[in-house]
Amino acid sequence: MFRVGFGQDSHWFLDDANKKLVLGGIEVEGEKGLKGNSDGDAVLHAICASIEQALGRVNFSVYADEMCKNGIIDSAEYLKVALSHMKEDGYDINNLGISIEAKTPKILPIEERMKNRLAELLQIEKSQIGINATTGEELTAFGRGEGIQVFVIVSLIKNE
C-alpha cells in the first residue's frame, strides 16, 4: 500500500539574538531564530505533519505541545514520535519533497547539510529527499523576510 501526506508549518522571526535558527535539524549561523515554544524548526514540524497526515493519525501538535510543556523543545524529538507511529503502522518513507518560502536564509548554501541531517534523522538516503526554495517574488510576509513557511509532501510505502 502507498500513502501520501502533506504538511505545512510557518514561524515568524524573533528579534532575540539568543535564539538560534534551527532549520531541517541544523543550526544556521548568523540568522534570527524563529518564534515558538520549541526550537521553531519549521522543516521538521512540516515533516511530522505530513507523516501523521499520511497515516491518518492525530495532528503532531497534540504531542509536540505536551512535550514542549515538559521542557522538550528539540523538534527532532517530535520527529521520533511521528516516525514511531509510522513504524507501528508498518510504513517506510519512499520519498520526501520539501518546499521552503523565505527571503532568508539562502537555502542553497545549507541544502547539503540539511539533506545529510534529514537523511540521518529519517534513516533514509539523501537521494530520497528533494528540497527547493523560493522567495515567491516577495509577495508574502515569508518572501519579504518576516519568517519562514515550509510545505512537505511525503510518500510512504508499506514495509514487508
N, C-alpha and C. Protein backbone atom coordinates (compact mmCIF):
# COMPACT_ATOMS: atom_id res chain seq x y z
N MET A 1 0.83 -1.18 0.00
CA MET A 1 0.00 0.00 0.00
C MET A 1 0.88 1.24 0.00
N PHE A 2 0.41 2.27 -0.63
CA PHE A 2 1.13 3.52 -0.81
C PHE A 2 0.29 4.65 -0.20
N ARG A 3 0.91 5.53 0.55
CA ARG A 3 0.20 6.67 1.15
C ARG A 3 0.98 7.95 0.91
N VAL A 4 0.23 9.06 0.87
CA VAL A 4 0.82 10.38 0.68
C VAL A 4 0.29 11.32 1.75
N GLY A 5 1.16 12.14 2.30
CA GLY A 5 0.76 13.14 3.28
C GLY A 5 1.35 14.49 2.94
N PHE A 6 0.61 15.53 3.29
CA PHE A 6 1.02 16.91 3.03
C PHE A 6 1.08 17.66 4.35
N GLY A 7 2.19 18.32 4.61
CA GLY A 7 2.35 19.07 5.85
C GLY A 7 2.80 20.49 5.59
N GLN A 8 2.43 21.38 6.49
CA GLN A 8 2.81 22.78 6.38
C GLN A 8 3.13 23.30 7.76
N ASP A 9 4.09 24.21 7.85
CA ASP A 9 4.36 24.92 9.09
C ASP A 9 4.99 26.26 8.75
N SER A 10 4.79 27.22 9.64
CA SER A 10 5.40 28.53 9.45
C SER A 10 5.64 29.17 10.81
N HIS A 11 6.68 29.98 10.86
CA HIS A 11 7.03 30.72 12.09
C HIS A 11 7.59 32.08 11.71
N TRP A 12 7.32 33.05 12.57
CA TRP A 12 7.90 34.40 12.42
C TRP A 12 9.31 34.41 12.99
N PHE A 13 10.15 35.31 12.47
CA PHE A 13 11.48 35.51 13.05
C PHE A 13 11.35 36.31 14.34
N LEU A 14 12.25 36.06 15.27
CA LEU A 14 12.33 36.80 16.52
C LEU A 14 13.43 37.84 16.43
N ASP A 15 13.33 38.87 17.25
CA ASP A 15 14.42 39.83 17.38
C ASP A 15 15.22 39.51 18.63
N ASP A 16 15.48 38.23 18.84
CA ASP A 16 16.18 37.75 20.01
C ASP A 16 17.46 37.07 19.56
N ALA A 17 18.58 37.72 19.83
CA ALA A 17 19.88 37.19 19.39
C ALA A 17 20.25 35.90 20.12
N ASN A 18 19.56 35.59 21.21
CA ASN A 18 19.88 34.39 21.99
C ASN A 18 19.29 33.11 21.39
N LYS A 19 18.27 33.24 20.56
CA LYS A 19 17.66 32.05 19.96
C LYS A 19 18.21 31.83 18.56
N LYS A 20 18.80 30.68 18.36
CA LYS A 20 19.41 30.35 17.07
C LYS A 20 18.36 29.83 16.09
N LEU A 21 18.63 30.02 14.81
CA LEU A 21 17.76 29.47 13.78
C LEU A 21 18.09 28.00 13.60
N VAL A 22 17.07 27.16 13.75
CA VAL A 22 17.20 25.72 13.50
C VAL A 22 16.26 25.41 12.35
N LEU A 23 16.80 24.81 11.30
CA LEU A 23 16.02 24.51 10.11
C LEU A 23 16.49 23.18 9.53
N GLY A 24 15.59 22.26 9.38
CA GLY A 24 15.96 20.94 8.87
C GLY A 24 16.91 20.20 9.77
N GLY A 25 16.83 20.48 11.07
CA GLY A 25 17.67 19.78 12.04
C GLY A 25 19.07 20.35 12.21
N ILE A 26 19.37 21.46 11.52
CA ILE A 26 20.71 22.07 11.65
C ILE A 26 20.58 23.50 12.17
N GLU A 27 21.62 23.96 12.86
CA GLU A 27 21.69 25.36 13.26
C GLU A 27 22.26 26.16 12.11
N VAL A 28 21.63 27.30 11.83
CA VAL A 28 22.08 28.17 10.74
C VAL A 28 22.66 29.42 11.38
N GLU A 29 23.95 29.58 11.27
CA GLU A 29 24.67 30.69 11.90
C GLU A 29 24.31 32.03 11.27
N GLY A 30 24.31 33.06 12.09
CA GLY A 30 24.13 34.43 11.60
C GLY A 30 22.70 34.78 11.24
N GLU A 31 21.73 33.97 11.63
CA GLU A 31 20.32 34.22 11.31
C GLU A 31 19.51 34.30 12.59
N LYS A 32 18.41 35.05 12.53
CA LYS A 32 17.50 35.15 13.66
C LYS A 32 16.78 33.82 13.87
N GLY A 33 16.47 33.51 15.12
CA GLY A 33 15.70 32.32 15.45
C GLY A 33 14.22 32.54 15.14
N LEU A 34 13.46 31.46 15.21
CA LEU A 34 12.04 31.51 14.91
C LEU A 34 11.21 31.46 16.19
N LYS A 35 10.12 32.21 16.18
CA LYS A 35 9.21 32.26 17.32
C LYS A 35 8.52 30.91 17.50
N GLY A 36 8.42 30.48 18.74
CA GLY A 36 7.74 29.23 19.04
C GLY A 36 8.16 28.73 20.40
N ASN A 37 7.36 27.84 20.98
CA ASN A 37 7.70 27.25 22.26
C ASN A 37 8.84 26.26 22.12
N SER A 38 8.99 25.70 20.92
CA SER A 38 10.07 24.75 20.64
C SER A 38 11.23 25.50 20.00
N ASP A 39 12.12 24.75 19.35
CA ASP A 39 13.21 25.39 18.61
C ASP A 39 12.70 26.08 17.34
N GLY A 40 11.43 25.84 16.98
CA GLY A 40 10.81 26.51 15.83
C GLY A 40 11.21 25.94 14.49
N ASP A 41 11.74 24.72 14.45
CA ASP A 41 12.20 24.13 13.20
C ASP A 41 11.01 23.81 12.29
N ALA A 42 10.68 24.76 11.42
CA ALA A 42 9.50 24.63 10.55
C ALA A 42 9.62 23.45 9.60
N VAL A 43 10.82 23.07 9.20
CA VAL A 43 11.00 21.92 8.31
C VAL A 43 10.62 20.63 9.04
N LEU A 44 11.16 20.43 10.23
CA LEU A 44 10.83 19.21 10.96
C LEU A 44 9.36 19.16 11.35
N HIS A 45 8.79 20.32 11.68
CA HIS A 45 7.36 20.36 12.03
C HIS A 45 6.50 19.97 10.83
N ALA A 46 6.83 20.48 9.66
CA ALA A 46 6.06 20.14 8.45
C ALA A 46 6.24 18.66 8.09
N ILE A 47 7.42 18.11 8.32
CA ILE A 47 7.64 16.68 8.07
C ILE A 47 6.77 15.85 9.02
N CYS A 48 6.76 16.20 10.30
CA CYS A 48 5.90 15.49 11.26
C CYS A 48 4.44 15.55 10.81
N ALA A 49 3.99 16.73 10.42
CA ALA A 49 2.60 16.90 10.00
C ALA A 49 2.29 16.03 8.78
N SER A 50 3.22 15.96 7.83
CA SER A 50 2.98 15.18 6.62
C SER A 50 2.92 13.68 6.91
N ILE A 51 3.78 13.20 7.79
CA ILE A 51 3.79 11.78 8.15
C ILE A 51 2.48 11.42 8.86
N GLU A 52 2.11 12.22 9.84
CA GLU A 52 0.88 11.94 10.59
C GLU A 52 -0.35 11.99 9.67
N GLN A 53 -0.37 12.93 8.74
CA GLN A 53 -1.50 13.01 7.81
C GLN A 53 -1.55 11.78 6.91
N ALA A 54 -0.40 11.34 6.41
CA ALA A 54 -0.36 10.16 5.55
C ALA A 54 -0.89 8.92 6.28
N LEU A 55 -0.63 8.85 7.57
CA LEU A 55 -1.07 7.72 8.38
C LEU A 55 -2.52 7.85 8.82
N GLY A 56 -3.10 9.04 8.65
CA GLY A 56 -4.45 9.27 9.14
C GLY A 56 -4.50 9.39 10.65
N ARG A 57 -3.40 9.83 11.22
CA ARG A 57 -3.28 9.93 12.68
C ARG A 57 -3.53 11.37 13.14
N VAL A 58 -3.31 11.58 14.43
CA VAL A 58 -3.54 12.87 15.07
C VAL A 58 -2.54 13.92 14.56
N ASN A 59 -2.94 15.19 14.61
CA ASN A 59 -2.03 16.28 14.27
C ASN A 59 -0.86 16.24 15.25
N PHE A 60 0.35 16.37 14.72
CA PHE A 60 1.54 16.24 15.57
C PHE A 60 1.58 17.26 16.70
N SER A 61 0.89 18.38 16.55
CA SER A 61 0.93 19.40 17.60
C SER A 61 0.33 18.89 18.91
N VAL A 62 -0.51 17.87 18.84
CA VAL A 62 -1.11 17.30 20.05
C VAL A 62 0.00 16.80 20.99
N TYR A 63 0.95 16.05 20.44
CA TYR A 63 2.02 15.56 21.31
C TYR A 63 3.17 16.55 21.43
N ALA A 64 3.42 17.34 20.38
CA ALA A 64 4.52 18.31 20.45
C ALA A 64 4.24 19.38 21.51
N ASP A 65 2.99 19.85 21.59
CA ASP A 65 2.65 20.85 22.60
C ASP A 65 2.85 20.30 24.01
N GLU A 66 2.45 19.07 24.21
CA GLU A 66 2.63 18.43 25.52
C GLU A 66 4.12 18.27 25.84
N MET A 67 4.90 17.88 24.83
CA MET A 67 6.34 17.73 25.04
C MET A 67 6.98 19.06 25.38
N CYS A 68 6.54 20.14 24.70
CA CYS A 68 7.05 21.49 25.00
C CYS A 68 6.78 21.86 26.45
N LYS A 69 5.56 21.57 26.90
CA LYS A 69 5.19 21.88 28.29
C LYS A 69 6.10 21.15 29.27
N ASN A 70 6.63 20.02 28.86
CA ASN A 70 7.53 19.23 29.70
C ASN A 70 9.00 19.56 29.45
N GLY A 71 9.26 20.65 28.73
CA GLY A 71 10.62 21.13 28.54
C GLY A 71 11.36 20.53 27.36
N ILE A 72 10.69 19.73 26.54
CA ILE A 72 11.34 19.13 25.37
C ILE A 72 11.09 20.06 24.18
N ILE A 73 12.13 20.81 23.79
CA ILE A 73 11.96 21.80 22.73
C ILE A 73 12.69 21.44 21.43
N ASP A 74 13.41 20.34 21.42
CA ASP A 74 14.13 19.88 20.23
C ASP A 74 13.14 19.19 19.30
N SER A 75 12.91 19.77 18.13
CA SER A 75 11.93 19.21 17.18
C SER A 75 12.30 17.82 16.69
N ALA A 76 13.56 17.45 16.78
CA ALA A 76 13.97 16.09 16.41
C ALA A 76 13.29 15.07 17.31
N GLU A 77 12.96 15.46 18.53
CA GLU A 77 12.25 14.56 19.45
C GLU A 77 10.81 14.36 19.00
N TYR A 78 10.18 15.38 18.45
CA TYR A 78 8.81 15.26 17.92
C TYR A 78 8.83 14.33 16.71
N LEU A 79 9.88 14.48 15.89
CA LEU A 79 10.01 13.63 14.71
C LEU A 79 10.12 12.16 15.11
N LYS A 80 10.80 11.88 16.20
CA LYS A 80 10.92 10.49 16.67
C LYS A 80 9.54 9.89 16.94
N VAL A 81 8.63 10.70 17.48
CA VAL A 81 7.28 10.22 17.76
C VAL A 81 6.55 9.91 16.45
N ALA A 82 6.62 10.84 15.48
CA ALA A 82 5.97 10.61 14.18
C ALA A 82 6.53 9.37 13.51
N LEU A 83 7.85 9.20 13.57
CA LEU A 83 8.47 8.02 12.96
C LEU A 83 8.08 6.73 13.68
N SER A 84 7.90 6.81 14.99
CA SER A 84 7.46 5.61 15.71
C SER A 84 6.04 5.24 15.30
N HIS A 85 5.18 6.23 15.07
CA HIS A 85 3.83 5.95 14.57
C HIS A 85 3.89 5.29 13.19
N MET A 86 4.79 5.81 12.35
CA MET A 86 4.95 5.26 11.01
C MET A 86 5.38 3.79 11.07
N LYS A 87 6.35 3.50 11.92
CA LYS A 87 6.84 2.12 12.06
C LYS A 87 5.76 1.22 12.65
N GLU A 88 5.03 1.72 13.66
CA GLU A 88 3.93 0.94 14.26
C GLU A 88 2.90 0.53 13.21
N ASP A 89 2.65 1.44 12.26
CA ASP A 89 1.66 1.18 11.22
C ASP A 89 2.24 0.39 10.04
N GLY A 90 3.55 0.10 10.10
CA GLY A 90 4.17 -0.74 9.09
C GLY A 90 4.58 -0.04 7.81
N TYR A 91 4.97 1.24 7.91
CA TYR A 91 5.36 2.00 6.73
C TYR A 91 6.81 2.48 6.81
N ASP A 92 7.35 2.74 5.63
CA ASP A 92 8.66 3.37 5.46
C ASP A 92 8.48 4.57 4.56
N ILE A 93 9.43 5.50 4.64
CA ILE A 93 9.41 6.65 3.74
C ILE A 93 9.92 6.24 2.37
N ASN A 94 9.14 6.53 1.34
CA ASN A 94 9.58 6.33 -0.04
C ASN A 94 10.37 7.55 -0.49
N ASN A 95 9.76 8.72 -0.38
CA ASN A 95 10.49 9.95 -0.65
C ASN A 95 9.80 11.13 0.02
N LEU A 96 10.52 12.24 0.04
CA LEU A 96 10.10 13.43 0.76
C LEU A 96 10.40 14.65 -0.11
N GLY A 97 9.42 15.52 -0.30
CA GLY A 97 9.62 16.77 -1.02
C GLY A 97 9.40 17.93 -0.08
N ILE A 98 10.36 18.84 -0.02
CA ILE A 98 10.31 19.98 0.90
C ILE A 98 10.39 21.26 0.08
N SER A 99 9.44 22.16 0.30
CA SER A 99 9.44 23.46 -0.36
C SER A 99 9.46 24.55 0.71
N ILE A 100 10.44 25.42 0.64
CA ILE A 100 10.65 26.45 1.65
C ILE A 100 10.43 27.82 1.01
N GLU A 101 9.57 28.63 1.64
CA GLU A 101 9.39 30.02 1.20
C GLU A 101 10.00 30.93 2.25
N ALA A 102 11.06 31.63 1.86
CA ALA A 102 11.76 32.52 2.77
C ALA A 102 12.72 33.42 1.98
N LYS A 103 12.86 34.62 2.46
CA LYS A 103 13.87 35.51 1.87
C LYS A 103 15.24 35.16 2.44
N THR A 104 15.22 34.79 3.72
CA THR A 104 16.45 34.42 4.41
C THR A 104 16.15 33.26 5.34
N PRO A 105 17.06 32.34 5.52
CA PRO A 105 18.39 32.25 4.93
C PRO A 105 18.32 31.75 3.50
N LYS A 106 19.39 31.96 2.78
CA LYS A 106 19.51 31.35 1.46
C LYS A 106 19.66 29.85 1.67
N ILE A 107 18.84 29.07 0.99
CA ILE A 107 18.80 27.63 1.23
C ILE A 107 19.92 26.88 0.50
N LEU A 108 20.25 27.30 -0.70
CA LEU A 108 21.26 26.56 -1.47
C LEU A 108 22.56 26.34 -0.70
N PRO A 109 23.11 27.34 0.01
CA PRO A 109 24.35 27.09 0.74
C PRO A 109 24.23 26.11 1.91
N ILE A 110 23.01 25.88 2.41
CA ILE A 110 22.84 24.96 3.55
C ILE A 110 22.09 23.68 3.15
N GLU A 111 21.72 23.57 1.88
CA GLU A 111 20.91 22.44 1.43
C GLU A 111 21.57 21.09 1.69
N GLU A 112 22.84 20.97 1.39
CA GLU A 112 23.53 19.69 1.56
C GLU A 112 23.60 19.29 3.03
N ARG A 113 23.88 20.26 3.91
CA ARG A 113 23.89 19.97 5.35
C ARG A 113 22.51 19.53 5.82
N MET A 114 21.47 20.21 5.33
CA MET A 114 20.11 19.83 5.70
C MET A 114 19.80 18.42 5.24
N LYS A 115 20.11 18.11 3.99
CA LYS A 115 19.84 16.77 3.47
C LYS A 115 20.58 15.70 4.27
N ASN A 116 21.83 15.96 4.60
CA ASN A 116 22.61 15.00 5.40
C ASN A 116 21.94 14.75 6.75
N ARG A 117 21.54 15.83 7.42
CA ARG A 117 20.93 15.70 8.74
C ARG A 117 19.55 15.03 8.64
N LEU A 118 18.76 15.43 7.65
CA LEU A 118 17.44 14.83 7.48
C LEU A 118 17.54 13.34 7.16
N ALA A 119 18.47 12.97 6.30
CA ALA A 119 18.68 11.56 5.97
C ALA A 119 19.03 10.77 7.23
N GLU A 120 19.85 11.36 8.08
CA GLU A 120 20.23 10.72 9.34
C GLU A 120 19.01 10.58 10.26
N LEU A 121 18.26 11.66 10.43
CA LEU A 121 17.09 11.62 11.32
C LEU A 121 16.01 10.67 10.82
N LEU A 122 15.80 10.65 9.50
CA LEU A 122 14.72 9.86 8.91
C LEU A 122 15.15 8.43 8.56
N GLN A 123 16.45 8.19 8.65
CA GLN A 123 17.04 6.89 8.31
C GLN A 123 16.70 6.48 6.88
N ILE A 124 16.92 7.44 5.97
CA ILE A 124 16.74 7.21 4.53
C ILE A 124 17.96 7.74 3.80
N GLU A 125 18.02 7.51 2.50
CA GLU A 125 19.11 8.01 1.67
C GLU A 125 18.85 9.48 1.31
N LYS A 126 19.92 10.24 1.12
CA LYS A 126 19.78 11.64 0.71
C LYS A 126 19.01 11.77 -0.60
N SER A 127 19.17 10.78 -1.47
CA SER A 127 18.50 10.83 -2.78
C SER A 127 16.98 10.73 -2.66
N GLN A 128 16.49 10.39 -1.48
CA GLN A 128 15.04 10.31 -1.26
C GLN A 128 14.46 11.64 -0.78
N ILE A 129 15.31 12.65 -0.69
CA ILE A 129 14.90 13.96 -0.18
C ILE A 129 15.13 15.02 -1.26
N GLY A 130 14.07 15.74 -1.58
CA GLY A 130 14.18 16.87 -2.51
C GLY A 130 13.86 18.15 -1.78
N ILE A 131 14.66 19.18 -2.01
CA ILE A 131 14.45 20.48 -1.36
C ILE A 131 14.46 21.56 -2.44
N ASN A 132 13.46 22.43 -2.39
CA ASN A 132 13.52 23.63 -3.22
C ASN A 132 13.14 24.82 -2.35
N ALA A 133 13.50 26.00 -2.81
CA ALA A 133 13.23 27.21 -2.04
C ALA A 133 12.90 28.36 -2.98
N THR A 134 12.10 29.28 -2.46
CA THR A 134 11.70 30.45 -3.23
C THR A 134 11.45 31.62 -2.30
N THR A 135 11.56 32.80 -2.85
CA THR A 135 11.11 33.99 -2.13
C THR A 135 9.69 34.34 -2.54
N GLY A 136 9.18 33.64 -3.57
CA GLY A 136 7.83 33.93 -4.04
C GLY A 136 7.71 35.35 -4.56
N GLU A 137 8.82 35.86 -5.07
CA GLU A 137 8.86 37.23 -5.59
C GLU A 137 8.42 38.24 -4.53
N GLU A 138 8.64 37.87 -3.24
CA GLU A 138 8.34 38.74 -2.09
C GLU A 138 6.86 39.12 -2.01
N LEU A 139 5.97 38.23 -2.51
CA LEU A 139 4.53 38.51 -2.48
C LEU A 139 3.90 38.24 -1.11
N THR A 140 4.61 37.51 -0.24
CA THR A 140 4.07 37.21 1.09
C THR A 140 5.05 37.69 2.16
N ALA A 141 4.61 37.63 3.41
CA ALA A 141 5.46 38.01 4.54
C ALA A 141 6.72 37.16 4.58
N PHE A 142 6.60 35.89 4.18
CA PHE A 142 7.76 34.99 4.21
C PHE A 142 8.77 35.40 3.14
N GLY A 143 8.29 35.72 1.96
CA GLY A 143 9.16 36.17 0.89
C GLY A 143 9.80 37.51 1.17
N ARG A 144 9.16 38.29 2.03
CA ARG A 144 9.71 39.60 2.41
C ARG A 144 10.68 39.51 3.58
N GLY A 145 10.85 38.30 4.14
CA GLY A 145 11.85 38.12 5.20
C GLY A 145 11.32 38.23 6.61
N GLU A 146 10.01 38.09 6.81
CA GLU A 146 9.44 38.21 8.15
C GLU A 146 9.36 36.87 8.87
N GLY A 147 9.56 35.78 8.13
CA GLY A 147 9.50 34.45 8.72
C GLY A 147 9.80 33.40 7.67
N ILE A 148 9.48 32.16 8.00
CA ILE A 148 9.74 31.03 7.11
C ILE A 148 8.47 30.18 7.04
N GLN A 149 8.12 29.78 5.82
CA GLN A 149 6.99 28.87 5.60
C GLN A 149 7.52 27.64 4.87
N VAL A 150 7.06 26.47 5.31
CA VAL A 150 7.54 25.21 4.73
C VAL A 150 6.36 24.32 4.38
N PHE A 151 6.43 23.72 3.20
CA PHE A 151 5.46 22.72 2.76
C PHE A 151 6.23 21.43 2.52
N VAL A 152 5.64 20.30 2.94
CA VAL A 152 6.27 19.00 2.77
C VAL A 152 5.25 18.01 2.24
N ILE A 153 5.66 17.22 1.27
CA ILE A 153 4.88 16.09 0.83
C ILE A 153 5.73 14.84 1.04
N VAL A 154 5.10 13.82 1.64
CA VAL A 154 5.81 12.58 1.90
C VAL A 154 5.03 11.45 1.26
N SER A 155 5.76 10.50 0.68
CA SER A 155 5.12 9.27 0.23
C SER A 155 5.66 8.13 1.09
N LEU A 156 4.71 7.32 1.55
CA LEU A 156 5.04 6.18 2.42
C LEU A 156 4.69 4.90 1.69
N ILE A 157 5.49 3.88 1.91
CA ILE A 157 5.21 2.55 1.34
C ILE A 157 5.14 1.53 2.47
N LYS A 158 4.26 0.57 2.29
CA LYS A 158 4.12 -0.49 3.29
C LYS A 158 5.38 -1.34 3.28
N ASN A 159 5.95 -1.57 4.47
CA ASN A 159 7.15 -2.42 4.50
C ASN A 159 6.72 -3.88 4.55
N GLU A 160 7.62 -4.71 4.16
CA GLU A 160 7.27 -6.13 4.05
C GLU A 160 7.96 -6.97 5.08
